[in-house]
């Protein structure tokens, strides 16, 4: 007999490919309805940016088609992002489910470009996303998100001043760039820097967020210590280029997060190769090749993806339209969207296991 129970029964063997558990047991199959051979249900994924979304849908449809009397199948796909695990010695942010650091061992490797595009890609997938530009001495996120001329308002809350973040491309943003003049240098010692980072964490009207992306300054200094010791973090992503000097610095950054108890989600190799605009079928390994893959294997962490260097990628950052929005079908945009999906998947797995 074709009914809701029989549908759930045939779906029990279907697993989430990454969690390796039954979709039914995980309560990811809901609202099963049967009407004259038409089967409909809701599939609730663990992230809007699930990289295996279509694969899971096809597995479900294949299982249901084994039932007699099934004529059509309608799957509504939604997502409920799980919250990262809390830590007793760190204070979370109300409404923020997962905090993810995008970091690098040295400057100039395109860390901010990766952070901005990952944030926008997650928002495009349907997630609620915020971003902290924690690179206090070199705040570039406002320019890259098309918010260079914007400002943030300050209102008085019950516990003091509350910042209202700027918003563009689906991402809420706070940055030191909103609080200083364009050419003004930030000449601060550690305690002042620590204070503004804590303000960005706890005195911003973030609302409900699935992901808060933190664009960290390069290196292993005060900002990294403040961030990792203040809030529980879902994980850190290390951005590097293929060349040896960048990889050497990235190893130190990775070890810092491990020593501070922050899980490292993986490595992103940026500027993996150059694609000339007049010869899109060619690629040139300007900074070497396969360095990120080698380092990932040696350190036992995933290589989340390799991002090619393309002129539109740089142009998009300069004019405030990230490449995943400006040209979503180009090679670098596809790579960055894939990286965002990998990050989201790993964060959900860590929260649910």
C-alpha atoms as a PDB file:
ATOM      1  CA  UNK A   1       0.000   0.000   0.000  1.00  0.00           C
ATOM      2  CA  UNK A   2       1.293   3.433  -0.988  1.00  0.00           C
ATOM      3  CA  UNK A   3       1.192   5.655   2.101  1.00  0.00           C
ATOM      4  CA  UNK A   4       3.488   7.890   4.144  1.00  0.00           C
ATOM      5  CA  UNK A   5       4.800   4.981   6.203  1.00  0.00           C
ATOM      6  CA  UNK A   6       5.786   2.966   3.146  1.00  0.00           C
ATOM      7  CA  UNK A   7       7.583   5.996   1.695  1.00  0.00           C
ATOM      8  CA  UNK A   8       9.549   6.495   4.916  1.00  0.00           C
ATOM      9  CA  UNK A   9      10.346   2.783   5.012  1.00  0.00           C
ATOM     10  CA  UNK A  10      11.962   2.745   1.560  1.00  0.00           C
ATOM     11  CA  UNK A  11      13.837   5.961   2.378  1.00  0.00           C
ATOM     12  CA  UNK A  12      15.401   4.533   5.539  1.00  0.00           C
ATOM     13  CA  UNK A  13      18.381   2.992   3.708  1.00  0.00           C
ATOM     14  CA  UNK A  14      19.102   6.315   1.934  1.00  0.00           C
ATOM     15  CA  UNK A  15      21.943   8.041   3.753  1.00  0.00           C
ATOM     16  CA  UNK A  16      23.406  11.503   3.900  1.00  0.00           C
ATOM     17  CA  UNK A  17      26.645  10.799   1.968  1.00  0.00           C
ATOM     18  CA  UNK A  18      28.796  12.839   4.342  1.00  0.00           C
ATOM     19  CA  UNK A  19      27.176  12.066   7.699  1.00  0.00           C
ATOM     20  CA  UNK A  20      26.698   8.414   6.679  1.00  0.00           C
ATOM     21  CA  UNK A  21      23.403   8.218   8.523  1.00  0.00           C
ATOM     22  CA  UNK A  22      19.849   7.564   7.371  1.00  0.00           C
ATOM     23  CA  UNK A  23      17.958  10.629   6.154  1.00  0.00           C
ATOM     24  CA  UNK A  24      14.902   9.369   8.005  1.00  0.00           C
ATOM     25  CA  UNK A  25      16.796   8.893  11.272  1.00  0.00           C
ATOM     26  CA  UNK A  26      18.297  12.372  10.894  1.00  0.00           C
ATOM     27  CA  UNK A  27      14.750  13.810  10.483  1.00  0.00           C
ATOM     28  CA  UNK A  28      15.701  15.182   7.075  1.00  0.00           C
ATOM     29  CA  UNK A  29      12.544  13.735   5.454  1.00  0.00           C
ATOM     30  CA  UNK A  30       9.407  15.625   6.472  1.00  0.00           C
ATOM     31  CA  UNK A  31       5.825  16.372   5.379  1.00  0.00           C
ATOM     32  CA  UNK A  32       5.315  13.191   3.350  1.00  0.00           C
ATOM     33  CA  UNK A  33       2.037  13.384   1.426  1.00  0.00           C
ATOM     34  CA  UNK A  34       0.355  10.940  -0.950  1.00  0.00           C
ATOM     35  CA  UNK A  35      -2.403  11.870  -3.394  1.00  0.00           C
ATOM     36  CA  UNK A  36      -3.498   9.526  -6.190  1.00  0.00           C
ATOM     37  CA  UNK A  37       0.005   8.275  -6.971  1.00  0.00           C
ATOM     38  CA  UNK A  38       1.642  11.642  -6.433  1.00  0.00           C
ATOM     39  CA  UNK A  39       4.286  11.588  -3.680  1.00  0.00           C
ATOM     40  CA  UNK A  40       5.564  14.833  -2.194  1.00  0.00           C
ATOM     41  CA  UNK A  41       7.863  15.508   0.753  1.00  0.00           C
ATOM     42  CA  UNK A  42      10.332  18.023   2.138  1.00  0.00           C
ATOM     43  CA  UNK A  43      14.060  17.262   2.192  1.00  0.00           C
ATOM     44  CA  UNK A  44      15.757  19.313   4.930  1.00  0.00           C
ATOM     45  CA  UNK A  45      19.501  19.590   4.261  1.00  0.00           C
ATOM     46  CA  UNK A  46      22.116  20.611   6.819  1.00  0.00           C
ATOM     47  CA  UNK A  47      23.233  23.633   4.786  1.00  0.00           C
ATOM     48  CA  UNK A  48      21.743  25.651   1.915  1.00  0.00           C
ATOM     49  CA  UNK A  49      25.121  25.256   0.172  1.00  0.00           C
ATOM     50  CA  UNK A  50      25.085  21.456   0.221  1.00  0.00           C
ATOM     51  CA  UNK A  51      27.439  20.230  -2.539  1.00  0.00           C
ATOM     52  CA  UNK A  52      25.590  16.888  -2.833  1.00  0.00           C
ATOM     53  CA  UNK A  53      22.075  18.297  -2.991  1.00  0.00           C
ATOM     54  CA  UNK A  54      21.140  16.818  -6.398  1.00  0.00           C
ATOM     55  CA  UNK A  55      22.770  13.490  -5.574  1.00  0.00           C
ATOM     56  CA  UNK A  56      20.623  13.142  -2.421  1.00  0.00           C
ATOM     57  CA  UNK A  57      17.428  14.109  -4.266  1.00  0.00           C
ATOM     58  CA  UNK A  58      18.107  11.527  -6.974  1.00  0.00           C
ATOM     59  CA  UNK A  59      18.773   8.819  -4.351  1.00  0.00           C
ATOM     60  CA  UNK A  60      15.416   9.581  -2.720  1.00  0.00           C
ATOM     61  CA  UNK A  61      13.538   9.538  -6.012  1.00  0.00           C
ATOM     62  CA  UNK A  62      15.169   6.253  -7.006  1.00  0.00           C
ATOM     63  CA  UNK A  63      14.096   4.623  -3.741  1.00  0.00           C
ATOM     64  CA  UNK A  64      10.500   5.888  -3.925  1.00  0.00           C
ATOM     65  CA  UNK A  65      10.085   4.686  -7.519  1.00  0.00           C
ATOM     66  CA  UNK A  66      10.445   1.097  -6.269  1.00  0.00           C
ATOM     67  CA  UNK A  67       7.017   1.417  -4.614  1.00  0.00           C
ATOM     68  CA  UNK A  68       3.999   0.257  -6.658  1.00  0.00           C
ATOM     69  CA  UNK A  69       1.548   2.946  -7.693  1.00  0.00           C
ATOM     70  CA  UNK A  70       4.003   5.885  -7.711  1.00  0.00           C
ATOM     71  CA  UNK A  71       3.356   8.171 -10.676  1.00  0.00           C
ATOM     72  CA  UNK A  72       5.110  11.427  -9.855  1.00  0.00           C
ATOM     73  CA  UNK A  73       7.477  12.651  -7.138  1.00  0.00           C
ATOM     74  CA  UNK A  74       7.841  16.230  -5.914  1.00  0.00           C
ATOM     75  CA  UNK A  75      10.720  17.105  -3.586  1.00  0.00           C
ATOM     76  CA  UNK A  76      10.842  20.467  -1.815  1.00  0.00           C
ATOM     77  CA  UNK A  77      14.423  21.142  -0.694  1.00  0.00           C
ATOM     78  CA  UNK A  78      15.082  23.385   2.300  1.00  0.00           C
ATOM     79  CA  UNK A  79      17.874  23.626   4.863  1.00  0.00           C
ATOM     80  CA  UNK A  80      18.377  24.020   8.592  1.00  0.00           C
ATOM     81  CA  UNK A  81      21.989  24.865   9.354  1.00  0.00           C
ATOM     82  CA  UNK A  82      23.131  23.248  12.628  1.00  0.00           C
ATOM     83  CA  UNK A  83      24.936  25.307  15.251  1.00  0.00           C
ATOM     84  CA  UNK A  84      28.588  24.751  16.060  1.00  0.00           C
ATOM     85  CA  UNK A  85      29.439  23.183  19.382  1.00  0.00           C
ATOM     86  CA  UNK A  86      29.797  25.593  22.299  1.00  0.00           C
ATOM     87  CA  UNK A  87      32.866  25.851  24.514  1.00  0.00           C
ATOM     88  CA  UNK A  88      32.655  26.587  28.252  1.00  0.00           C
ATOM     89  CA  UNK A  89      35.465  29.159  28.248  1.00  0.00           C
ATOM     90  CA  UNK A  90      34.269  31.163  25.217  1.00  0.00           C
ATOM     91  CA  UNK A  91      31.227  33.339  24.639  1.00  0.00           C
ATOM     92  CA  UNK A  92      29.123  32.840  21.537  1.00  0.00           C
ATOM     93  CA  UNK A  93      27.170  35.526  19.679  1.00  0.00           C
ATOM     94  CA  UNK A  94      23.385  35.496  20.026  1.00  0.00           C
ATOM     95  CA  UNK A  95      21.763  34.364  16.779  1.00  0.00           C
ATOM     96  CA  UNK A  96      25.026  33.385  15.075  1.00  0.00           C
ATOM     97  CA  UNK A  97      25.258  29.650  14.394  1.00  0.00           C
ATOM     98  CA  UNK A  98      28.764  29.255  12.949  1.00  0.00           C
ATOM     99  CA  UNK A  99      31.875  31.445  13.004  1.00  0.00           C
ATOM    100  CA  UNK A 100      34.482  30.684  10.335  1.00  0.00           C
ATOM    101  CA  UNK A 101      37.927  32.289  10.108  1.00  0.00           C
ATOM    102  CA  UNK A 102      39.554  32.823   6.698  1.00  0.00           C
ATOM    103  CA  UNK A 103      43.250  33.245   7.407  1.00  0.00           C
ATOM    104  CA  UNK A 104      46.693  33.232   5.825  1.00  0.00           C
ATOM    105  CA  UNK A 105      50.264  33.036   7.015  1.00  0.00           C
ATOM    106  CA  UNK A 106      51.334  36.053   4.953  1.00  0.00           C
ATOM    107  CA  UNK A 107      49.799  38.934   3.056  1.00  0.00           C
ATOM    108  CA  UNK A 108      49.305  39.129  -0.685  1.00  0.00           C
ATOM    109  CA  UNK A 109      47.877  35.655  -1.221  1.00  0.00           C
ATOM    110  CA  UNK A 110      44.302  36.814  -1.934  1.00  0.00           C
ATOM    111  CA  UNK A 111      42.816  35.920   1.448  1.00  0.00           C
ATOM    112  CA  UNK A 112      40.279  38.756   1.383  1.00  0.00           C
ATOM    113  CA  UNK A 113      39.238  37.865  -2.162  1.00  0.00           C
ATOM    114  CA  UNK A 114      38.550  34.299  -1.036  1.00  0.00           C
ATOM    115  CA  UNK A 115      36.726  35.444   2.129  1.00  0.00           C
ATOM    116  CA  UNK A 116      34.451  37.887   0.277  1.00  0.00           C
ATOM    117  CA  UNK A 117      33.568  35.442  -2.486  1.00  0.00           C
ATOM    118  CA  UNK A 118      32.921  32.586  -0.050  1.00  0.00           C
ATOM    119  CA  UNK A 119      30.573  34.842   1.929  1.00  0.00           C
ATOM    120  CA  UNK A 120      28.679  35.925  -1.197  1.00  0.00           C
ATOM    121  CA  UNK A 121      28.512  32.350  -2.520  1.00  0.00           C
ATOM    122  CA  UNK A 122      26.976  31.148   0.743  1.00  0.00           C
ATOM    123  CA  UNK A 123      24.431  33.986   0.596  1.00  0.00           C
ATOM    124  CA  UNK A 124      23.593  33.098  -3.023  1.00  0.00           C
ATOM    125  CA  UNK A 125      22.863  29.542  -1.869  1.00  0.00           C
ATOM    126  CA  UNK A 126      20.255  30.885   0.544  1.00  0.00           C
ATOM    127  CA  UNK A 127      22.236  31.153   3.787  1.00  0.00           C
ATOM    128  CA  UNK A 128      22.106  34.136   6.138  1.00  0.00           C
ATOM    129  CA  UNK A 129      25.657  35.496   6.125  1.00  0.00           C
ATOM    130  CA  UNK A 130      27.623  38.156   7.980  1.00  0.00           C
ATOM    131  CA  UNK A 131      31.253  39.170   7.645  1.00  0.00           C
ATOM    132  CA  UNK A 132      33.780  40.783   9.971  1.00  0.00           C
ATOM    133  CA  UNK A 133      36.694  42.521   8.307  1.00  0.00           C
ATOM    134  CA  UNK A 134      39.153  41.826  11.134  1.00  0.00           C
ATOM    135  CA  UNK A 135      42.117  43.022   9.089  1.00  0.00           C
ATOM    136  CA  UNK A 136      42.126  46.242  11.099  1.00  0.00           C
ATOM    137  CA  UNK A 137      45.301  47.676   9.578  1.00  0.00           C
ATOM    138  CA  UNK A 138      44.284  46.956   5.977  1.00  0.00           C
ATOM    139  CA  UNK A 139      40.462  46.851   5.690  1.00  0.00           C
ATOM    140  CA  UNK A 140      39.633  45.986   2.064  1.00  0.00           C
ATOM    141  CA  UNK A 141      36.271  44.222   2.381  1.00  0.00           C
ATOM    142  CA  UNK A 142      34.167  47.417   1.933  1.00  0.00           C
ATOM    143  CA  UNK A 143      35.732  48.024  -1.497  1.00  0.00           C
ATOM    144  CA  UNK A 144      35.395  44.382  -2.538  1.00  0.00           C
ATOM    145  CA  UNK A 145      31.708  44.245  -1.522  1.00  0.00           C
ATOM    146  CA  UNK A 146      30.823  47.536  -3.216  1.00  0.00           C
ATOM    147  CA  UNK A 147      30.415  49.336   0.114  1.00  0.00           C
ATOM    148  CA  UNK A 148      33.369  51.714  -0.009  1.00  0.00           C
ATOM    149  CA  UNK A 149      31.171  54.804   0.266  1.00  0.00           C
ATOM    150  CA  UNK A 150      28.811  53.293   2.805  1.00  0.00           C
ATOM    151  CA  UNK A 151      28.767  53.814   6.539  1.00  0.00           C
ATOM    152  CA  UNK A 152      27.422  52.058   9.580  1.00  0.00           C
ATOM    153  CA  UNK A 153      25.049  53.657  12.028  1.00  0.00           C
ATOM    154  CA  UNK A 154      25.393  53.495  15.784  1.00  0.00           C
ATOM    155  CA  UNK A 155      22.433  53.270  18.143  1.00  0.00           C
ATOM    156  CA  UNK A 156      22.190  53.073  21.894  1.00  0.00           C
ATOM    157  CA  UNK A 157      21.280  49.659  23.221  1.00  0.00           C
ATOM    158  CA  UNK A 158      20.611  48.307  26.682  1.00  0.00           C
ATOM    159  CA  UNK A 159      24.262  47.275  27.082  1.00  0.00           C
ATOM    160  CA  UNK A 160      25.826  50.252  25.290  1.00  0.00           C
ATOM    161  CA  UNK A 161      26.437  51.237  21.676  1.00  0.00           C
ATOM    162  CA  UNK A 162      25.250  48.862  18.937  1.00  0.00           C
ATOM    163  CA  UNK A 163      26.599  48.998  15.367  1.00  0.00           C
ATOM    164  CA  UNK A 164      24.245  48.400  12.436  1.00  0.00           C
ATOM    165  CA  UNK A 165      26.225  46.548   9.741  1.00  0.00           C
ATOM    166  CA  UNK A 166      26.309  47.617   6.113  1.00  0.00           C
ATOM    167  CA  UNK A 167      24.741  45.230   3.586  1.00  0.00           C
ATOM    168  CA  UNK A 168      25.375  44.274  -0.035  1.00  0.00           C
ATOM    169  CA  UNK A 169      25.378  41.114  -2.184  1.00  0.00           C
ATOM    170  CA  UNK A 170      23.449  39.334   0.572  1.00  0.00           C
ATOM    171  CA  UNK A 171      26.174  39.871   3.185  1.00  0.00           C
ATOM    172  CA  UNK A 172      26.163  41.993   6.352  1.00  0.00           C
ATOM    173  CA  UNK A 173      29.546  43.661   6.922  1.00  0.00           C
ATOM    174  CA  UNK A 174      31.397  45.516   9.641  1.00  0.00           C
ATOM    175  CA  UNK A 175      34.869  46.886   8.997  1.00  0.00           C
ATOM    176  CA  UNK A 176      37.353  49.382  10.333  1.00  0.00           C
ATOM    177  CA  UNK A 177      37.082  50.917   6.880  1.00  0.00           C
ATOM    178  CA  UNK A 178      33.692  52.345   7.869  1.00  0.00           C
ATOM    179  CA  UNK A 179      35.111  54.045  10.964  1.00  0.00           C
ATOM    180  CA  UNK A 180      38.167  55.861   9.575  1.00  0.00           C
ATOM    181  CA  UNK A 181      38.943  58.150   6.646  1.00  0.00           C
ATOM    182  CA  UNK A 182      40.053  56.473   3.417  1.00  0.00           C
ATOM    183  CA  UNK A 183      43.740  57.358   3.743  1.00  0.00           C
ATOM    184  CA  UNK A 184      43.962  57.294   7.536  1.00  0.00           C
ATOM    185  CA  UNK A 185      46.429  54.750   8.941  1.00  0.00           C
ATOM    186  CA  UNK A 186      45.472  52.721  12.004  1.00  0.00           C
ATOM    187  CA  UNK A 187      48.373  53.132  14.425  1.00  0.00           C
ATOM    188  CA  UNK A 188      47.263  51.028  17.368  1.00  0.00           C
ATOM    189  CA  UNK A 189      48.823  48.790  19.938  1.00  0.00           C
ATOM    190  CA  UNK A 190      47.359  45.397  20.831  1.00  0.00           C
ATOM    191  CA  UNK A 191      44.809  46.414  23.506  1.00  0.00           C
ATOM    192  CA  UNK A 192      43.061  48.904  21.200  1.00  0.00           C
ATOM    193  CA  UNK A 193      42.924  46.360  18.386  1.00  0.00           C
ATOM    194  CA  UNK A 194      41.520  43.745  20.768  1.00  0.00           C
ATOM    195  CA  UNK A 195      38.828  46.172  21.860  1.00  0.00           C
ATOM    196  CA  UNK A 196      37.534  46.905  18.367  1.00  0.00           C
ATOM    197  CA  UNK A 197      37.489  43.201  17.423  1.00  0.00           C
ATOM    198  CA  UNK A 198      35.400  42.437  20.503  1.00  0.00           C
ATOM    199  CA  UNK A 199      33.096  45.299  19.545  1.00  0.00           C
ATOM    200  CA  UNK A 200      32.693  43.801  16.058  1.00  0.00           C
ATOM    201  CA  UNK A 201      31.814  40.474  17.663  1.00  0.00           C
ATOM    202  CA  UNK A 202      29.466  41.459  20.461  1.00  0.00           C
ATOM    203  CA  UNK A 203      28.248  45.004  19.759  1.00  0.00           C
ATOM    204  CA  UNK A 204      26.866  44.541  16.249  1.00  0.00           C
ATOM    205  CA  UNK A 205      23.230  43.928  15.372  1.00  0.00           C
ATOM    206  CA  UNK A 206      23.923  40.705  13.487  1.00  0.00           C
ATOM    207  CA  UNK A 207      20.449  39.199  13.811  1.00  0.00           C
ATOM    208  CA  UNK A 208      20.148  35.522  12.884  1.00  0.00           C
ATOM    209  CA  UNK A 209      23.099  34.228  10.846  1.00  0.00           C
ATOM    210  CA  UNK A 210      23.961  30.786   9.546  1.00  0.00           C
ATOM    211  CA  UNK A 211      27.566  31.822   8.981  1.00  0.00           C
ATOM    212  CA  UNK A 212      29.751  34.666  10.210  1.00  0.00           C
ATOM    213  CA  UNK A 213      32.849  34.841   8.009  1.00  0.00           C
ATOM    214  CA  UNK A 214      35.880  36.511   9.606  1.00  0.00           C
ATOM    215  CA  UNK A 215      38.501  37.914   7.244  1.00  0.00           C
ATOM    216  CA  UNK A 216      41.541  37.641   9.504  1.00  0.00           C
ATOM    217  CA  UNK A 217      44.689  39.747   9.164  1.00  0.00           C
ATOM    218  CA  UNK A 218      47.725  37.840   7.872  1.00  0.00           C
ATOM    219  CA  UNK A 219      50.109  36.237  10.336  1.00  0.00           C
ATOM    220  CA  UNK A 220      49.723  35.019  13.907  1.00  0.00           C
ATOM    221  CA  UNK A 221      49.305  38.145  16.024  1.00  0.00           C
ATOM    222  CA  UNK A 222      46.968  39.866  18.471  1.00  0.00           C
ATOM    223  CA  UNK A 223      43.869  39.748  16.256  1.00  0.00           C
ATOM    224  CA  UNK A 224      44.075  35.985  15.860  1.00  0.00           C
ATOM    225  CA  UNK A 225      44.548  35.482  19.600  1.00  0.00           C
ATOM    226  CA  UNK A 226      41.633  37.769  20.466  1.00  0.00           C
ATOM    227  CA  UNK A 227      39.285  36.099  18.007  1.00  0.00           C
ATOM    228  CA  UNK A 228      40.133  32.501  18.875  1.00  0.00           C
ATOM    229  CA  UNK A 229      40.079  33.082  22.631  1.00  0.00           C
ATOM    230  CA  UNK A 230      36.835  35.113  22.643  1.00  0.00           C
ATOM    231  CA  UNK A 231      34.363  33.050  20.605  1.00  0.00           C
ATOM    232  CA  UNK A 232      33.885  29.382  19.790  1.00  0.00           C
ATOM    233  CA  UNK A 233      34.804  28.881  16.146  1.00  0.00           C
ATOM    234  CA  UNK A 234      33.419  26.301  13.756  1.00  0.00           C
ATOM    235  CA  UNK A 235      36.772  26.208  12.015  1.00  0.00           C
ATOM    236  CA  UNK A 236      39.506  28.017  10.130  1.00  0.00           C
ATOM    237  CA  UNK A 237      40.443  28.017   6.453  1.00  0.00           C
ATOM    238  CA  UNK A 238      44.052  28.661   5.416  1.00  0.00           C
ATOM    239  CA  UNK A 239      44.602  30.521   2.128  1.00  0.00           C
ATOM    240  CA  UNK A 240      47.937  30.170   0.357  1.00  0.00           C
ATOM    241  CA  UNK A 241      49.527  30.290  -3.090  1.00  0.00           C
ATOM    242  CA  UNK A 242      51.509  27.419  -4.632  1.00  0.00           C
ATOM    243  CA  UNK A 243      54.930  29.034  -4.042  1.00  0.00           C
ATOM    244  CA  UNK A 244      57.156  27.692  -1.282  1.00  0.00           C
ATOM    245  CA  UNK A 245      57.452  30.892   0.779  1.00  0.00           C
ATOM    246  CA  UNK A 246      53.659  31.228   1.065  1.00  0.00           C
ATOM    247  CA  UNK A 247      53.265  27.554   1.927  1.00  0.00           C
ATOM    248  CA  UNK A 248      55.885  27.839   4.666  1.00  0.00           C
ATOM    249  CA  UNK A 249      53.993  30.725   6.264  1.00  0.00           C
ATOM    250  CA  UNK A 250      50.665  28.935   5.897  1.00  0.00           C
ATOM    251  CA  UNK A 251      52.002  26.009   7.914  1.00  0.00           C
ATOM    252  CA  UNK A 252      52.734  28.338  10.831  1.00  0.00           C
ATOM    253  CA  UNK A 253      49.242  29.823  10.664  1.00  0.00           C
ATOM    254  CA  UNK A 254      47.741  26.359  10.592  1.00  0.00           C
ATOM    255  CA  UNK A 255      49.726  25.233  13.635  1.00  0.00           C
ATOM    256  CA  UNK A 256      48.609  28.350  15.522  1.00  0.00           C
ATOM    257  CA  UNK A 257      44.930  27.448  15.083  1.00  0.00           C
ATOM    258  CA  UNK A 258      45.600  23.855  16.115  1.00  0.00           C
ATOM    259  CA  UNK A 259      47.395  24.987  19.280  1.00  0.00           C
ATOM    260  CA  UNK A 260      44.457  27.262  20.139  1.00  0.00           C
ATOM    261  CA  UNK A 261      41.945  24.441  19.717  1.00  0.00           C
ATOM    262  CA  UNK A 262      40.341  25.690  16.492  1.00  0.00           C
ATOM    263  CA  UNK A 263      39.698  22.956  13.915  1.00  0.00           C
ATOM    264  CA  UNK A 264      41.309  23.607  10.536  1.00  0.00           C
ATOM    265  CA  UNK A 265      38.750  22.886   7.809  1.00  0.00           C
ATOM    266  CA  UNK A 266      41.307  22.838   5.025  1.00  0.00           C
ATOM    267  CA  UNK A 267      43.592  24.738   2.659  1.00  0.00           C
ATOM    268  CA  UNK A 268      42.613  26.916  -0.305  1.00  0.00           C
ATOM    269  CA  UNK A 269      45.265  27.292  -2.990  1.00  0.00           C
ATOM    270  CA  UNK A 270      44.718  30.706  -4.582  1.00  0.00           C
ATOM    271  CA  UNK A 271      46.383  31.919  -7.786  1.00  0.00           C
ATOM    272  CA  UNK A 272      46.927  28.279  -8.713  1.00  0.00           C
ATOM    273  CA  UNK A 273      47.505  29.189 -12.346  1.00  0.00           C
ATOM    274  CA  UNK A 274      46.877  32.090 -14.714  1.00  0.00           C
ATOM    275  CA  UNK A 275      44.266  31.907 -17.486  1.00  0.00           C
ATOM    276  CA  UNK A 276      44.966  34.530 -20.189  1.00  0.00           C
ATOM    277  CA  UNK A 277      41.753  36.189 -21.412  1.00  0.00           C
ATOM    278  CA  UNK A 278      42.682  35.804 -25.092  1.00  0.00           C
ATOM    279  CA  UNK A 279      43.571  32.111 -24.681  1.00  0.00           C
ATOM    280  CA  UNK A 280      41.061  30.635 -22.191  1.00  0.00           C
ATOM    281  CA  UNK A 281      42.186  27.077 -22.955  1.00  0.00           C
ATOM    282  CA  UNK A 282      45.725  27.739 -21.716  1.00  0.00           C
ATOM    283  CA  UNK A 283      47.081  28.053 -18.204  1.00  0.00           C
ATOM    284  CA  UNK A 284      50.403  29.209 -16.805  1.00  0.00           C
ATOM    285  CA  UNK A 285      51.790  28.180 -13.409  1.00  0.00           C
ATOM    286  CA  UNK A 286      53.151  31.594 -12.453  1.00  0.00           C
ATOM    287  CA  UNK A 287      53.617  30.732  -8.760  1.00  0.00           C
ATOM    288  CA  UNK A 288      54.486  27.058  -9.193  1.00  0.00           C
ATOM    289  CA  UNK A 289      52.077  24.160  -9.091  1.00  0.00           C
ATOM    290  CA  UNK A 290      50.545  21.580  -6.759  1.00  0.00           C
ATOM    291  CA  UNK A 291      52.026  23.199  -3.633  1.00  0.00           C
ATOM    292  CA  UNK A 292      48.681  23.334  -1.846  1.00  0.00           C
ATOM    293  CA  UNK A 293      47.939  19.696  -2.617  1.00  0.00           C
ATOM    294  CA  UNK A 294      51.361  18.605  -1.358  1.00  0.00           C
ATOM    295  CA  UNK A 295      51.047  20.621   1.858  1.00  0.00           C
ATOM    296  CA  UNK A 296      47.526  19.358   2.510  1.00  0.00           C
ATOM    297  CA  UNK A 297      48.705  15.754   2.185  1.00  0.00           C
ATOM    298  CA  UNK A 298      51.712  16.310   4.435  1.00  0.00           C
ATOM    299  CA  UNK A 299      49.599  17.935   7.157  1.00  0.00           C
ATOM    300  CA  UNK A 300      46.666  15.547   6.815  1.00  0.00           C
ATOM    301  CA  UNK A 301      44.030  18.196   6.069  1.00  0.00           C
ATOM    302  CA  UNK A 302      41.760  18.609   3.027  1.00  0.00           C
ATOM    303  CA  UNK A 303      42.567  20.734   0.011  1.00  0.00           C
ATOM    304  CA  UNK A 304      39.264  22.595  -0.334  1.00  0.00           C
ATOM    305  CA  UNK A 305      39.954  23.850  -3.837  1.00  0.00           C
ATOM    306  CA  UNK A 306      42.280  25.642  -6.236  1.00  0.00           C
ATOM    307  CA  UNK A 307      41.367  29.089  -7.553  1.00  0.00           C
ATOM    308  CA  UNK A 308      42.857  30.206 -10.875  1.00  0.00           C
ATOM    309  CA  UNK A 309      44.047  33.763 -11.433  1.00  0.00           C
ATOM    310  CA  UNK A 310      41.839  35.542 -13.954  1.00  0.00           C
ATOM    311  CA  UNK A 311      41.670  39.220 -14.850  1.00  0.00           C
ATOM    312  CA  UNK A 312      37.880  39.417 -14.162  1.00  0.00           C
ATOM    313  CA  UNK A 313      38.533  38.111 -10.629  1.00  0.00           C
ATOM    314  CA  UNK A 314      40.772  41.089  -9.907  1.00  0.00           C
ATOM    315  CA  UNK A 315      38.465  43.507 -11.702  1.00  0.00           C
ATOM    316  CA  UNK A 316      35.470  42.328  -9.694  1.00  0.00           C
ATOM    317  CA  UNK A 317      37.250  43.009  -6.418  1.00  0.00           C
ATOM    318  CA  UNK A 318      38.285  46.482  -7.543  1.00  0.00           C
ATOM    319  CA  UNK A 319      34.783  47.536  -8.598  1.00  0.00           C
ATOM    320  CA  UNK A 320      32.908  45.935  -5.718  1.00  0.00           C
ATOM    321  CA  UNK A 321      31.215  43.070  -7.573  1.00  0.00           C
ATOM    322  CA  UNK A 322      32.700  39.742  -6.419  1.00  0.00           C
ATOM    323  CA  UNK A 323      33.387  37.301  -9.240  1.00  0.00           C
ATOM    324  CA  UNK A 324      30.764  34.785  -8.003  1.00  0.00           C
ATOM    325  CA  UNK A 325      28.180  37.522  -8.677  1.00  0.00           C
ATOM    326  CA  UNK A 326      29.796  39.220 -11.682  1.00  0.00           C
ATOM    327  CA  UNK A 327      30.599  36.116 -13.744  1.00  0.00           C
ATOM    328  CA  UNK A 328      29.359  32.983 -11.951  1.00  0.00           C
ATOM    329  CA  UNK A 329      30.267  30.663 -14.849  1.00  0.00           C
ATOM    330  CA  UNK A 330      33.955  31.568 -15.133  1.00  0.00           C
ATOM    331  CA  UNK A 331      36.615  29.181 -13.811  1.00  0.00           C
ATOM    332  CA  UNK A 332      37.521  31.165 -10.687  1.00  0.00           C
ATOM    333  CA  UNK A 333      33.863  31.693  -9.702  1.00  0.00           C
ATOM    334  CA  UNK A 334      33.105  27.979 -10.081  1.00  0.00           C
ATOM    335  CA  UNK A 335      36.136  27.146  -7.927  1.00  0.00           C
ATOM    336  CA  UNK A 336      35.133  29.630  -5.220  1.00  0.00           C
ATOM    337  CA  UNK A 337      31.531  28.376  -5.141  1.00  0.00           C
ATOM    338  CA  UNK A 338      32.846  24.838  -4.785  1.00  0.00           C
ATOM    339  CA  UNK A 339      35.069  25.936  -1.900  1.00  0.00           C
ATOM    340  CA  UNK A 340      32.112  27.614  -0.165  1.00  0.00           C
ATOM    341  CA  UNK A 341      30.125  24.376  -0.488  1.00  0.00           C
ATOM    342  CA  UNK A 342      33.004  22.335   0.941  1.00  0.00           C
ATOM    343  CA  UNK A 343      33.352  24.704   3.910  1.00  0.00           C
ATOM    344  CA  UNK A 344      29.610  24.614   4.640  1.00  0.00           C
ATOM    345  CA  UNK A 345      29.524  20.827   4.429  1.00  0.00           C
ATOM    346  CA  UNK A 346      32.470  20.372   6.794  1.00  0.00           C
ATOM    347  CA  UNK A 347      30.994  22.818   9.311  1.00  0.00           C
ATOM    348  CA  UNK A 348      27.691  20.916   9.343  1.00  0.00           C
ATOM    349  CA  UNK A 349      29.415  17.551   9.706  1.00  0.00           C
ATOM    350  CA  UNK A 350      31.432  18.841  12.680  1.00  0.00           C
ATOM    351  CA  UNK A 351      28.296  20.212  14.338  1.00  0.00           C
ATOM    352  CA  UNK A 352      26.343  16.962  13.950  1.00  0.00           C
ATOM    353  CA  UNK A 353      29.036  14.427  14.856  1.00  0.00           C
END
